[in-house]
PDB file of N, CA and C in Angstrom:
ATOM      1  N   UNK A   1      94.032  94.257 116.677  1.00  0.00           N
ATOM      2  CA  UNK A   1      93.547  95.612 116.738  1.00  0.00           C
ATOM      3  C   UNK A   1      93.734  96.221 118.117  1.00  0.00           C
ATOM      4  N   UNK A   2      93.809  95.385 119.144  1.00  0.00           N
ATOM      5  CA  UNK A   2      94.007  95.937 120.485  1.00  0.00           C
ATOM      6  C   UNK A   2      95.381  96.602 120.598  1.00  0.00           C
ATOM      7  N   UNK A   3      96.384  96.064 119.913  1.00  0.00           N
ATOM      8  CA  UNK A   3      97.708  96.688 119.907  1.00  0.00           C
ATOM      9  C   UNK A   3      97.674  98.030 119.172  1.00  0.00           C
ATOM     10  N   UNK A   4      96.916  98.085 118.081  1.00  0.00           N
ATOM     11  CA  UNK A   4      96.790  99.332 117.313  1.00  0.00           C
ATOM     12  C   UNK A   4      96.100 100.386 118.164  1.00  0.00           C
ATOM     13  N   UNK A   5      95.020 100.006 118.821  1.00  0.00           N
ATOM     14  CA  UNK A   5      94.290 100.934 119.682  1.00  0.00           C
ATOM     15  C   UNK A   5      95.182 101.421 120.823  1.00  0.00           C
ATOM     16  N   UNK A   6      95.942 100.521 121.416  1.00  0.00           N
ATOM     17  CA  UNK A   6      96.854 100.909 122.501  1.00  0.00           C
ATOM     18  C   UNK A   6      97.907 101.896 121.994  1.00  0.00           C
ATOM     19  N   UNK A   7      98.432 101.662 120.797  1.00  0.00           N
ATOM     20  CA  UNK A   7      99.410 102.570 120.200  1.00  0.00           C
ATOM     21  C   UNK A   7      98.798 103.950 120.007  1.00  0.00           C
ATOM     22  N   UNK A   8      97.597 104.002 119.415  1.00  0.00           N
ATOM     23  CA  UNK A   8      96.941 105.284 119.157  1.00  0.00           C
ATOM     24  C   UNK A   8      96.680 106.038 120.465  1.00  0.00           C
ATOM     25  N   UNK A   9      96.240 105.338 121.477  1.00  0.00           N
ATOM     26  CA  UNK A   9      95.981 105.967 122.772  1.00  0.00           C
ATOM     27  C   UNK A   9      97.269 106.494 123.398  1.00  0.00           C
ATOM     28  N   UNK A  10      98.344 105.734 123.295  1.00  0.00           N
ATOM     29  CA  UNK A  10      99.620 106.164 123.848  1.00  0.00           C
ATOM     30  C   UNK A  10     100.149 107.402 123.127  1.00  0.00           C
ATOM     31  N   UNK A  11     100.088 107.406 121.814  1.00  0.00           N
ATOM     32  CA  UNK A  11     100.568 108.558 121.039  1.00  0.00           C
ATOM     33  C   UNK A  11      99.721 109.800 121.311  1.00  0.00           C
ATOM     34  N   UNK A  12      98.405 109.612 121.360  1.00  0.00           N
ATOM     35  CA  UNK A  12      97.516 110.735 121.647  1.00  0.00           C
ATOM     36  C   UNK A  12      97.722 111.251 123.066  1.00  0.00           C
ATOM     37  N   UNK A  13      97.894 110.337 123.999  1.00  0.00           N
ATOM     38  CA  UNK A  13      98.138 110.713 125.395  1.00  0.00           C
ATOM     39  C   UNK A  13      99.430 111.496 125.566  1.00  0.00           C
ATOM     40  N   UNK A  14     100.404 111.230 124.710  1.00  0.00           N
ATOM     41  CA  UNK A  14     101.693 111.931 124.767  1.00  0.00           C
ATOM     42  C   UNK A  14     101.663 113.213 123.930  1.00  0.00           C
ATOM     43  N   UNK A  15     100.512 113.527 123.350  1.00  0.00           N
ATOM     44  CA  UNK A  15     100.354 114.697 122.481  1.00  0.00           C
ATOM     45  C   UNK A  15     101.363 114.673 121.329  1.00  0.00           C
ATOM     46  N   UNK A  16     101.655 113.467 120.845  1.00  0.00           N
ATOM     47  CA  UNK A  16     102.599 113.300 119.735  1.00  0.00           C
ATOM     48  C   UNK A  16     101.924 113.681 118.421  1.00  0.00           C
ATOM     49  N   UNK A  17     102.735 114.137 117.479  1.00  0.00           N
ATOM     50  CA  UNK A  17     102.265 114.384 116.115  1.00  0.00           C
ATOM     51  C   UNK A  17     102.449 113.073 115.363  1.00  0.00           C
ATOM     52  N   UNK A  18     101.379 112.363 115.120  1.00  0.00           N
ATOM     53  CA  UNK A  18     101.499 111.037 114.545  1.00  0.00           C
ATOM     54  C   UNK A  18     100.370 110.774 113.562  1.00  0.00           C
ATOM     55  N   UNK A  19     100.559 109.768 112.756  1.00  0.00           N
ATOM     56  CA  UNK A  19      99.508 109.282 111.882  1.00  0.00           C
ATOM     57  C   UNK A  19      99.694 107.784 111.686  1.00  0.00           C
ATOM     58  N   UNK A  20      98.620 107.140 111.361  1.00  0.00           N
ATOM     59  CA  UNK A  20      98.630 105.709 111.108  1.00  0.00           C
ATOM     60  C   UNK A  20      97.878 105.477 109.809  1.00  0.00           C
ATOM     61  N   UNK A  21      98.516 104.827 108.873  1.00  0.00           N
ATOM     62  CA  UNK A  21      97.880 104.534 107.590  1.00  0.00           C
ATOM     63  C   UNK A  21      97.741 103.027 107.472  1.00  0.00           C
ATOM     64  N   UNK A  22      96.531 102.592 107.189  1.00  0.00           N
ATOM     65  CA  UNK A  22      96.247 101.165 107.030  1.00  0.00           C
ATOM     66  C   UNK A  22      95.741 100.949 105.612  1.00  0.00           C
ATOM     67  N   UNK A  23      96.317 100.011 104.918  1.00  0.00           N
ATOM     68  CA  UNK A  23      95.915  99.679 103.558  1.00  0.00           C
ATOM     69  C   UNK A  23      95.090  98.395 103.592  1.00  0.00           C
ATOM     70  N   UNK A  24      93.788  98.549 103.368  1.00  0.00           N
ATOM     71  CA  UNK A  24      92.887  97.403 103.401  1.00  0.00           C
ATOM     72  C   UNK A  24      93.289  96.342 102.394  1.00  0.00           C
ATOM     73  N   UNK A  25      93.289  95.113 102.814  1.00  0.00           N
ATOM     74  CA  UNK A  25      93.619  94.005 101.931  1.00  0.00           C
ATOM     75  C   UNK A  25      95.106  93.750 101.770  1.00  0.00           C
ATOM     76  N   UNK A  26      95.927  94.650 102.284  1.00  0.00           N
ATOM     77  CA  UNK A  26      97.381  94.471 102.154  1.00  0.00           C
ATOM     78  C   UNK A  26      97.895  93.553 103.250  1.00  0.00           C
ATOM     79  N   UNK A  27      98.815  92.699 102.856  1.00  0.00           N
ATOM     80  CA  UNK A  27      99.447  91.786 103.805  1.00  0.00           C
ATOM     81  C   UNK A  27     100.890  92.223 104.017  1.00  0.00           C
ATOM     82  N   UNK A  28     101.596  91.542 104.889  1.00  0.00           N
ATOM     83  CA  UNK A  28     102.996  91.844 105.138  1.00  0.00           C
ATOM     84  C   UNK A  28     103.783  91.689 103.837  1.00  0.00           C
ATOM     85  N   UNK A  29     104.735  92.576 103.616  1.00  0.00           N
ATOM     86  CA  UNK A  29     105.561  92.499 102.413  1.00  0.00           C
ATOM     87  C   UNK A  29     104.857  93.024 101.174  1.00  0.00           C
ATOM     88  N   UNK A  30     103.822  93.852 101.363  1.00  0.00           N
ATOM     89  CA  UNK A  30     103.005  94.272 100.222  1.00  0.00           C
ATOM     90  C   UNK A  30     103.733  95.112  99.187  1.00  0.00           C
ATOM     91  N   UNK A  31     104.939  95.598  99.480  1.00  0.00           N
ATOM     92  CA  UNK A  31     105.704  96.389  98.500  1.00  0.00           C
ATOM     93  C   UNK A  31     106.712  95.546  97.720  1.00  0.00           C
ATOM     94  N   UNK A  32     106.816  94.278  98.036  1.00  0.00           N
ATOM     95  CA  UNK A  32     107.811  93.418  97.398  1.00  0.00           C
ATOM     96  C   UNK A  32     107.170  92.583  96.298  1.00  0.00           C
ATOM     97  N   UNK A  33     107.475  92.932  95.045  1.00  0.00           N
ATOM     98  CA  UNK A  33     106.873  92.215  93.918  1.00  0.00           C
ATOM     99  C   UNK A  33     107.185  90.721  93.945  1.00  0.00           C
ATOM    100  N   UNK A  34     108.324  90.346  94.490  1.00  0.00           N
ATOM    101  CA  UNK A  34     108.688  88.931  94.560  1.00  0.00           C
ATOM    102  C   UNK A  34     107.883  88.167  95.611  1.00  0.00           C
ATOM    103  N   UNK A  35     107.101  88.884  96.396  1.00  0.00           N
ATOM    104  CA  UNK A  35     106.287  88.217  97.417  1.00  0.00           C
ATOM    105  C   UNK A  35     105.267  87.277  96.779  1.00  0.00           C
ATOM    106  N   UNK A  36     104.939  87.523  95.516  1.00  0.00           N
ATOM    107  CA  UNK A  36     103.980  86.657  94.825  1.00  0.00           C
ATOM    108  C   UNK A  36     104.485  85.222  94.745  1.00  0.00           C
ATOM    109  N   UNK A  37     105.791  85.046  94.738  1.00  0.00           N
ATOM    110  CA  UNK A  37     106.364  83.700  94.666  1.00  0.00           C
ATOM    111  C   UNK A  37     106.760  83.167  96.042  1.00  0.00           C
ATOM    112  N   UNK A  38     106.492  83.971  97.063  1.00  0.00           N
ATOM    113  CA  UNK A  38     106.849  83.567  98.422  1.00  0.00           C
ATOM    114  C   UNK A  38     105.955  82.439  98.913  1.00  0.00           C
ATOM    115  N   UNK A  39     106.542  81.531  99.617  1.00  0.00           N
ATOM    116  CA  UNK A  39     105.784  80.426 100.206  1.00  0.00           C
ATOM    117  C   UNK A  39     105.452  80.716 101.669  1.00  0.00           C
ATOM    118  N   UNK A  40     105.681  81.968 102.086  1.00  0.00           N
ATOM    119  CA  UNK A  40     105.452  82.351 103.476  1.00  0.00           C
ATOM    120  C   UNK A  40     104.011  82.815 103.635  1.00  0.00           C
ATOM    121  N   UNK A  41     103.298  82.235 104.558  1.00  0.00           N
ATOM    122  CA  UNK A  41     101.912  82.595 104.822  1.00  0.00           C
ATOM    123  C   UNK A  41     101.823  84.036 105.321  1.00  0.00           C
ATOM    124  N   UNK A  42     100.863  84.783 104.818  1.00  0.00           N
ATOM    125  CA  UNK A  42     100.660  86.155 105.267  1.00  0.00           C
ATOM    126  C   UNK A  42     101.503  87.181 104.552  1.00  0.00           C
ATOM    127  N   UNK A  43     102.229  86.779 103.522  1.00  0.00           N
ATOM    128  CA  UNK A  43     103.081  87.684 102.733  1.00  0.00           C
ATOM    129  C   UNK A  43     102.557  87.691 101.305  1.00  0.00           C
ATOM    130  N   UNK A  44     102.253  88.896 100.794  1.00  0.00           N
ATOM    131  CA  UNK A  44     101.748  88.986  99.422  1.00  0.00           C
ATOM    132  C   UNK A  44     101.944  90.401  98.896  1.00  0.00           C
ATOM    133  N   UNK A  45     102.299  90.501  97.625  1.00  0.00           N
ATOM    134  CA  UNK A  45     102.436  91.798  96.975  1.00  0.00           C
ATOM    135  C   UNK A  45     101.051  92.367  96.693  1.00  0.00           C
ATOM    136  N   UNK A  46     100.907  93.701  96.867  1.00  0.00           N
ATOM    137  CA  UNK A  46      99.661  94.391  96.578  1.00  0.00           C
ATOM    138  C   UNK A  46     100.023  95.680  95.843  1.00  0.00           C
ATOM    139  N   UNK A  47      99.827  95.697  94.531  1.00  0.00           N
ATOM    140  CA  UNK A  47     100.255  96.824  93.701  1.00  0.00           C
ATOM    141  C   UNK A  47      99.604  98.136  94.121  1.00  0.00           C
ATOM    142  N   UNK A  48      98.316  98.119  94.437  1.00  0.00           N
ATOM    143  CA  UNK A  48      97.628  99.349  94.819  1.00  0.00           C
ATOM    144  C   UNK A  48      98.173  99.897  96.135  1.00  0.00           C
ATOM    145  N   UNK A  49      98.351  99.045  97.119  1.00  0.00           N
ATOM    146  CA  UNK A  49      98.902  99.477  98.396  1.00  0.00           C
ATOM    147  C   UNK A  49     100.348  99.927  98.243  1.00  0.00           C
ATOM    148  N   UNK A  50     101.097  99.259  97.374  1.00  0.00           N
ATOM    149  CA  UNK A  50     102.478  99.653  97.098  1.00  0.00           C
ATOM    150  C   UNK A  50     102.523 101.080  96.558  1.00  0.00           C
ATOM    151  N   UNK A  51     101.710 101.375  95.558  1.00  0.00           N
ATOM    152  CA  UNK A  51     101.682 102.714  94.956  1.00  0.00           C
ATOM    153  C   UNK A  51     101.224 103.762  95.962  1.00  0.00           C
ATOM    154  N   UNK A  52     100.178 103.451  96.712  1.00  0.00           N
ATOM    155  CA  UNK A  52      99.670 104.404  97.700  1.00  0.00           C
ATOM    156  C   UNK A  52     100.690 104.664  98.808  1.00  0.00           C
ATOM    157  N   UNK A  53     101.378 103.622  99.244  1.00  0.00           N
ATOM    158  CA  UNK A  53     102.346 103.813 100.328  1.00  0.00           C
ATOM    159  C   UNK A  53     103.552 104.620  99.863  1.00  0.00           C
ATOM    160  N   UNK A  54     103.950 104.464  98.597  1.00  0.00           N
ATOM    161  CA  UNK A  54     105.073 105.232  98.066  1.00  0.00           C
ATOM    162  C   UNK A  54     104.692 106.709  97.970  1.00  0.00           C
ATOM    163  N   UNK A  55     103.458 106.992  97.552  1.00  0.00           N
ATOM    164  CA  UNK A  55     102.980 108.376  97.518  1.00  0.00           C
ATOM    165  C   UNK A  55     102.970 108.965  98.926  1.00  0.00           C
ATOM    166  N   UNK A  56     102.487 108.216  99.894  1.00  0.00           N
ATOM    167  CA  UNK A  56     102.461 108.687 101.286  1.00  0.00           C
ATOM    168  C   UNK A  56     103.873 108.935 101.808  1.00  0.00           C
ATOM    169  N   UNK A  57     104.818 108.078 101.435  1.00  0.00           N
ATOM    170  CA  UNK A  57     106.205 108.247 101.853  1.00  0.00           C
ATOM    171  C   UNK A  57     106.794 109.529 101.273  1.00  0.00           C
ATOM    172  N   UNK A  58     106.542 109.783  99.992  1.00  0.00           N
ATOM    173  CA  UNK A  58     107.058 111.003  99.359  1.00  0.00           C
ATOM    174  C   UNK A  58     106.442 112.251  99.980  1.00  0.00           C
ATOM    175  N   UNK A  59     105.159 112.204 100.314  1.00  0.00           N
ATOM    176  CA  UNK A  59     104.522 113.344 100.978  1.00  0.00           C
ATOM    177  C   UNK A  59     105.113 113.571 102.369  1.00  0.00           C
ATOM    178  N   UNK A  60     105.384 112.499 103.085  1.00  0.00           N
ATOM    179  CA  UNK A  60     105.993 112.601 104.411  1.00  0.00           C
ATOM    180  C   UNK A  60     107.384 113.224 104.320  1.00  0.00           C
ATOM    181  N   UNK A  61     108.201 112.758 103.391  1.00  0.00           N
ATOM    182  CA  UNK A  61     109.540 113.319 103.221  1.00  0.00           C
ATOM    183  C   UNK A  61     109.480 114.790 102.822  1.00  0.00           C
ATOM    184  N   UNK A  62     108.534 115.132 101.957  1.00  0.00           N
ATOM    185  CA  UNK A  62     108.381 116.532 101.542  1.00  0.00           C
ATOM    186  C   UNK A  62     108.021 117.403 102.737  1.00  0.00           C
ATOM    187  N   UNK A  63     107.123 116.924 103.573  1.00  0.00           N
ATOM    188  CA  UNK A  63     106.746 117.674 104.781  1.00  0.00           C
ATOM    189  C   UNK A  63     107.930 117.788 105.739  1.00  0.00           C
ATOM    190  N   UNK A  64     108.611 116.687 105.940  1.00  0.00           N
ATOM    191  CA  UNK A  64     109.718 116.635 106.888  1.00  0.00           C
ATOM    192  C   UNK A  64     110.889 117.512 106.459  1.00  0.00           C
ATOM    193  N   UNK A  65     111.222 117.480 105.158  1.00  0.00           N
ATOM    194  CA  UNK A  65     112.398 118.184 104.673  1.00  0.00           C
ATOM    195  C   UNK A  65     112.081 119.480 103.942  1.00  0.00           C
ATOM    196  N   UNK A  66     110.785 119.834 103.864  1.00  0.00           N
ATOM    197  CA  UNK A  66     110.370 121.124 103.348  1.00  0.00           C
ATOM    198  C   UNK A  66     110.563 121.351 101.865  1.00  0.00           C
ATOM    199  N   UNK A  67     110.133 120.405 101.042  1.00  0.00           N
ATOM    200  CA  UNK A  67     110.190 120.617  99.601  1.00  0.00           C
ATOM    201  C   UNK A  67     108.874 120.164  98.971  1.00  0.00           C
ATOM    202  N   UNK A  68     108.667 120.583  97.727  1.00  0.00           N
ATOM    203  CA  UNK A  68     107.470 120.173  97.000  1.00  0.00           C
ATOM    204  C   UNK A  68     107.651 118.736  96.504  1.00  0.00           C
ATOM    205  N   UNK A  69     106.696 117.873  96.795  1.00  0.00           N
ATOM    206  CA  UNK A  69     106.844 116.485  96.376  1.00  0.00           C
ATOM    207  C   UNK A  69     106.598 116.308  94.880  1.00  0.00           C
ATOM    208  N   UNK A  70     107.260 115.335  94.310  1.00  0.00           N
ATOM    209  CA  UNK A  70     107.023 114.905  92.933  1.00  0.00           C
ATOM    210  C   UNK A  70     106.211 113.624  93.038  1.00  0.00           C
ATOM    211  N   UNK A  71     104.962 113.685  92.664  1.00  0.00           N
ATOM    212  CA  UNK A  71     104.087 112.539  92.849  1.00  0.00           C
ATOM    213  C   UNK A  71     103.911 111.705  91.599  1.00  0.00           C
ATOM    214  N   UNK A  72     104.422 112.146  90.476  1.00  0.00           N
ATOM    215  CA  UNK A  72     104.245 111.418  89.222  1.00  0.00           C
ATOM    216  C   UNK A  72     105.105 110.228  89.061  1.00  0.00           C
TER     217      UNK A  72
END
């Protein structure tokens, strides 16, 4: 968390337009359905975080490129 706090302070100090989204309970690789069979510690698929992150990505692209997002 100290790295996250340092990042937030640096971005705010630079007056950057930024956001940070954290998905509780999500581990690394949370968008990869095959992560369920992974033998790598700290890697796991999380369907809820996957869906939420895809919605956030579509909203970001819509904002960035100026179109109405399709969220369905």
